Amino acid sequence: MAQRQRIGMVVRAAARGFGDVLLTFGLLMALFAAYSLWWSNVVSDREAGRAAGRLRDSWSVAAPAPTAEPSAPVAGLGGADLGFLHVPAMGRDYQVLIRLGTDDETLAAGVAGVYTWPYRSVPPWEGAGNFALAAHRDGHGAKFHDLDQVGPGDPLVVETRDRWYVYRVDGVLPETSPDDVGVIAPVPVGSPYRSPGRYITLTTCTPAYTSLFRLVVWGSLVREEAMTPGRVPPPELR
């Protein structure tokens, strides 16, 4: 009997110890995840802010008269910086730097990356095509964290050195497979569009804090405006 009691005490002590280890490990993992997300946002926001400043500085030097073509892009860490995306539905002052490429290094810099594969994105100044962008939902600046707040009728505005390009959201796909590349095709599969046009597509992970699926927003160009002295924004941003 005494031996059984001793064995039982040892088993219970071992179970408690194992439980404490699991609890501690779980807490450490949760703290690490929270710290990683927070710190990656800080680092990416700093990097993106510096790059945005460099781009705007380059625009302010000997600015030419407004034309239909953008100025030469400024080199970024993962590609070329093309301009800015403004999304009022994600905040009155929301803007994100647009950079060529969607590789890990580019998106980790806290930017909206331009797809170059499997379809080449067509920026608005090149005419008909789909200008497809991606950004992180969480961590690394989380620039598309609130993309689920964007809906049909909302404006999306692309700013370049020389012009404003104003889009209207026409469709949203709340969830699709990460392998569904058709959503960024020239005529996006699943979108309201059935023929070529001047489109924009925004993609990010969903649900938040996962990468299980993709959230997609589609818009079409409604007008473009030449840049005025003082860079007065279009009414959608005022």
Protein backbone atom coordinates (compact mmCIF):
# COMPACT_ATOMS: atom_id res chain seq x y z
CA MET A 1 0.00 0.00 0.00
CA ALA A 2 2.76 2.44 0.97
CA GLN A 3 4.60 1.63 -2.24
CA ARG A 4 1.48 2.31 -4.31
CA GLN A 5 1.03 5.64 -2.57
CA ARG A 6 4.62 6.58 -3.28
CA ILE A 7 4.19 5.62 -6.94
CA GLY A 8 0.97 7.64 -7.12
CA MET A 9 2.67 10.67 -5.60
CA VAL A 10 5.53 10.40 -8.09
CA VAL A 11 3.09 10.10 -11.02
CA ARG A 12 1.04 13.09 -9.85
CA ALA A 13 4.18 15.16 -9.29
CA ALA A 14 5.46 14.26 -12.75
CA ALA A 15 2.10 15.15 -14.31
CA ARG A 16 2.04 18.50 -12.53
CA GLY A 17 5.60 19.18 -13.60
CA PHE A 18 4.82 18.28 -17.21
CA GLY A 19 1.73 20.47 -17.12
CA ASP A 20 3.75 23.38 -15.76
CA VAL A 21 6.30 22.92 -18.55
CA LEU A 22 3.55 22.92 -21.20
CA LEU A 23 1.94 26.01 -19.68
CA THR A 24 5.25 27.85 -19.55
CA PHE A 25 6.07 26.85 -23.12
CA GLY A 26 2.65 28.01 -24.30
CA LEU A 27 3.03 31.37 -22.57
CA LEU A 28 6.50 31.84 -24.03
CA MET A 29 5.24 31.03 -27.53
CA ALA A 30 2.34 33.47 -27.16
CA LEU A 31 4.67 36.21 -25.93
CA PHE A 32 7.12 35.50 -28.75
CA ALA A 33 4.36 35.67 -31.37
CA ALA A 34 3.02 38.94 -29.96
CA TYR A 35 6.51 40.43 -29.77
CA SER A 36 7.37 39.29 -33.29
CA LEU A 37 4.22 40.81 -34.79
CA TRP A 38 4.65 44.08 -32.90
CA TRP A 39 8.37 44.45 -33.56
CA SER A 40 8.10 43.51 -37.23
CA ASN A 41 5.49 46.26 -37.57
CA VAL A 42 7.83 48.79 -35.97
CA VAL A 43 10.78 47.82 -38.18
CA SER A 44 8.73 47.69 -41.38
CA ASP A 45 7.00 51.01 -40.70
CA ARG A 46 10.37 52.70 -40.18
CA GLU A 47 11.77 51.25 -43.39
CA ALA A 48 8.67 52.10 -45.42
CA GLY A 49 8.61 55.63 -43.98
CA ARG A 50 12.20 56.25 -45.04
CA ALA A 51 11.53 54.89 -48.53
CA ALA A 52 8.38 57.01 -48.86
CA GLY A 53 10.38 60.09 -47.88
CA ARG A 54 13.03 59.33 -50.49
CA LEU A 55 10.37 58.94 -53.18
CA ARG A 56 8.61 62.20 -52.32
CA ASP A 57 11.96 64.00 -52.15
CA SER A 58 12.76 62.77 -55.64
CA TRP A 59 9.41 64.10 -56.85
CA SER A 60 10.06 67.55 -55.40
CA VAL A 61 13.32 68.04 -57.34
CA ALA A 62 12.82 69.91 -60.62
CA ALA A 63 9.28 68.60 -61.03
CA PRO A 64 8.25 68.70 -64.69
CA ALA A 65 4.92 69.87 -66.03
CA PRO A 66 2.18 67.24 -65.54
CA THR A 67 2.14 64.54 -68.20
CA ALA A 68 0.35 61.26 -68.76
CA GLU A 69 3.45 59.28 -67.85
CA PRO A 70 4.96 58.82 -64.37
CA SER A 71 8.51 59.80 -63.61
CA ALA A 72 11.23 57.17 -63.35
CA PRO A 73 10.71 55.02 -60.24
CA VAL A 74 13.05 55.20 -57.27
CA ALA A 75 14.91 52.00 -56.47
CA GLY A 76 13.74 50.18 -53.34
CA LEU A 77 15.17 47.21 -51.48
CA GLY A 78 13.07 44.65 -53.34
CA GLY A 79 12.27 46.50 -56.55
CA ALA A 80 11.23 49.97 -57.66
CA ASP A 81 8.98 52.39 -55.77
CA LEU A 82 6.17 53.52 -58.06
CA GLY A 83 3.88 55.70 -55.96
CA PHE A 84 1.28 55.47 -53.21
CA LEU A 85 -2.06 53.75 -52.70
CA HIS A 86 -4.70 55.64 -50.70
CA VAL A 87 -7.68 53.76 -49.25
CA PRO A 88 -10.02 56.08 -47.30
CA ALA A 89 -12.08 53.12 -46.03
CA MET A 90 -9.01 52.01 -44.05
CA GLY A 91 -8.48 55.44 -42.50
CA ARG A 92 -8.77 59.03 -43.66
CA ASP A 93 -4.99 59.43 -43.90
CA TYR A 94 -4.22 55.86 -44.97
CA GLN A 95 -1.54 55.47 -47.59
CA VAL A 96 0.95 52.74 -48.45
CA LEU A 97 4.02 52.83 -50.64
CA ILE A 98 3.71 50.79 -53.86
CA ARG A 99 6.79 48.74 -54.73
CA LEU A 100 7.45 46.39 -57.62
CA GLY A 101 7.51 42.72 -56.58
CA THR A 102 5.75 40.41 -54.13
CA ASP A 103 8.69 38.37 -52.82
CA ASP A 104 9.14 37.96 -49.07
CA GLU A 105 11.81 40.67 -48.83
CA THR A 106 9.66 43.22 -50.62
CA LEU A 107 6.48 42.63 -48.62
CA ALA A 108 8.43 42.53 -45.34
CA ALA A 109 9.38 46.17 -45.98
CA GLY A 110 5.85 47.33 -45.13
CA VAL A 111 4.74 48.13 -48.68
CA ALA A 112 2.07 47.05 -51.15
CA GLY A 113 3.88 44.85 -53.65
CA VAL A 114 3.04 44.72 -57.35
CA TYR A 115 2.55 41.24 -58.80
CA THR A 116 4.94 40.38 -61.61
CA TRP A 117 4.03 36.67 -61.79
CA PRO A 118 2.17 34.61 -62.97
CA TYR A 119 0.57 37.63 -64.63
CA ARG A 120 2.37 40.92 -65.14
CA SER A 121 0.49 43.74 -63.45
CA VAL A 122 -0.31 46.69 -65.70
CA PRO A 123 -0.02 50.05 -63.91
CA PRO A 124 -2.73 52.58 -64.72
CA TRP A 125 -0.47 54.79 -66.84
CA GLU A 126 0.06 51.92 -69.29
CA GLY A 127 -3.61 51.56 -70.24
CA ALA A 128 -5.84 48.48 -70.11
CA GLY A 129 -4.84 45.75 -67.67
CA ASN A 130 -4.99 44.70 -64.05
CA PHE A 131 -2.84 46.51 -61.46
CA ALA A 132 -2.60 43.74 -58.84
CA LEU A 133 -1.12 44.42 -55.40
CA ALA A 134 -0.46 42.40 -52.23
CA ALA A 135 0.43 43.35 -48.66
CA HIS A 136 0.61 41.66 -45.28
CA ARG A 137 -2.51 41.40 -43.13
CA ASP A 138 -0.51 41.11 -39.89
CA GLY A 139 3.11 41.83 -39.07
CA HIS A 140 5.61 43.59 -41.34
CA GLY A 141 3.57 46.79 -41.23
CA ALA A 142 0.19 45.03 -41.61
CA LYS A 143 -0.70 47.47 -44.39
CA PHE A 144 -3.79 45.50 -45.47
CA HIS A 145 -4.95 44.55 -41.97
CA ASP A 146 -8.26 46.38 -42.49
CA LEU A 147 -8.82 45.37 -46.09
CA ASP A 148 -11.98 43.60 -44.95
CA GLN A 149 -13.42 47.07 -44.24
CA VAL A 150 -13.32 47.94 -47.96
CA GLY A 151 -16.50 47.33 -49.93
CA PRO A 152 -18.28 48.09 -53.21
CA GLY A 153 -18.46 51.79 -53.99
CA ASP A 154 -15.37 52.71 -51.93
CA PRO A 155 -12.65 54.71 -53.70
CA LEU A 156 -9.08 53.54 -54.18
CA VAL A 157 -6.59 56.18 -55.31
CA VAL A 158 -3.14 55.63 -56.81
CA GLU A 159 -0.80 58.62 -56.55
CA THR A 160 2.22 59.05 -58.82
CA ARG A 161 4.48 62.03 -59.32
CA ASP A 162 2.36 63.39 -62.15
CA ARG A 163 -1.18 62.05 -61.77
CA TRP A 164 -3.94 60.74 -59.53
CA TYR A 165 -5.75 57.56 -60.64
CA VAL A 166 -9.15 57.11 -58.99
CA TYR A 167 -10.77 53.67 -58.86
CA ARG A 168 -14.12 52.49 -57.53
CA VAL A 169 -14.46 49.12 -55.76
CA ASP A 170 -16.82 46.88 -57.74
CA GLY A 171 -16.40 43.52 -56.08
CA VAL A 172 -14.99 41.64 -53.07
CA LEU A 173 -14.10 37.96 -52.70
CA PRO A 174 -14.05 37.31 -48.92
CA GLU A 175 -12.15 34.03 -49.17
CA THR A 176 -10.31 32.00 -51.78
CA SER A 177 -7.36 29.61 -51.99
CA PRO A 178 -3.81 31.02 -51.89
CA ASP A 179 -3.32 29.12 -55.17
CA ASP A 180 -6.18 30.93 -56.92
CA VAL A 181 -4.03 33.00 -59.28
CA GLY A 182 -6.99 33.74 -61.52
CA VAL A 183 -8.02 36.58 -59.20
CA ILE A 184 -5.07 38.64 -60.50
CA ALA A 185 -5.50 37.76 -64.18
CA PRO A 186 -5.86 40.62 -66.71
CA VAL A 187 -9.62 40.02 -66.52
CA PRO A 188 -9.84 38.72 -62.94
CA VAL A 189 -11.62 35.40 -62.51
CA GLY A 190 -14.51 35.70 -60.06
CA SER A 191 -14.70 39.49 -60.45
CA PRO A 192 -17.65 41.42 -61.93
CA TYR A 193 -15.61 42.04 -65.10
CA ARG A 194 -16.08 40.13 -68.33
CA SER A 195 -13.85 42.05 -70.73
CA PRO A 196 -10.50 43.89 -70.62
CA GLY A 197 -10.41 47.20 -68.77
CA ARG A 198 -8.34 49.27 -66.38
CA TYR A 199 -8.60 47.38 -63.11
CA ILE A 200 -6.96 47.24 -59.70
CA THR A 201 -6.79 44.18 -57.45
CA LEU A 202 -5.80 44.13 -53.76
CA THR A 203 -5.03 40.82 -52.03
CA THR A 204 -4.08 39.78 -48.50
CA CYS A 205 -4.30 36.81 -46.14
CA THR A 206 -7.49 35.90 -44.30
CA PRO A 207 -8.63 35.25 -41.60
CA ALA A 208 -6.50 37.72 -39.66
CA TYR A 209 -3.36 36.23 -38.08
CA THR A 210 -3.41 33.29 -40.49
CA SER A 211 -2.42 32.59 -44.08
CA LEU A 212 -5.08 29.96 -44.78
CA PHE A 213 -6.95 31.88 -47.48
CA ARG A 214 -6.84 35.09 -49.50
CA LEU A 215 -9.14 38.11 -49.37
CA VAL A 216 -9.51 39.93 -52.70
CA VAL A 217 -10.84 43.40 -53.58
CA TRP A 218 -11.41 44.51 -57.20
CA GLY A 219 -11.88 48.02 -58.56
CA SER A 220 -12.08 49.77 -61.92
CA LEU A 221 -10.67 53.11 -62.99
CA VAL A 222 -13.26 55.89 -63.10
CA ARG A 223 -11.00 58.84 -63.90
CA GLU A 224 -7.50 60.28 -63.72
CA GLU A 225 -6.38 63.78 -62.82
CA ALA A 226 -3.20 65.65 -63.61
CA MET A 227 -1.18 66.65 -60.57
CA THR A 228 -1.68 70.31 -59.63
CA PRO A 229 0.79 72.61 -57.86
CA GLY A 230 0.71 71.79 -54.17
CA ARG A 231 -0.41 68.22 -54.95
CA VAL A 232 -4.04 68.94 -54.13
CA PRO A 233 -5.69 65.53 -53.76
CA PRO A 234 -8.90 64.50 -55.53
CA PRO A 235 -12.23 64.91 -53.69
CA GLU A 236 -12.19 61.26 -52.57
CA LEU A 237 -9.22 62.07 -50.31
CA ARG A 238 -10.47 65.41 -49.00
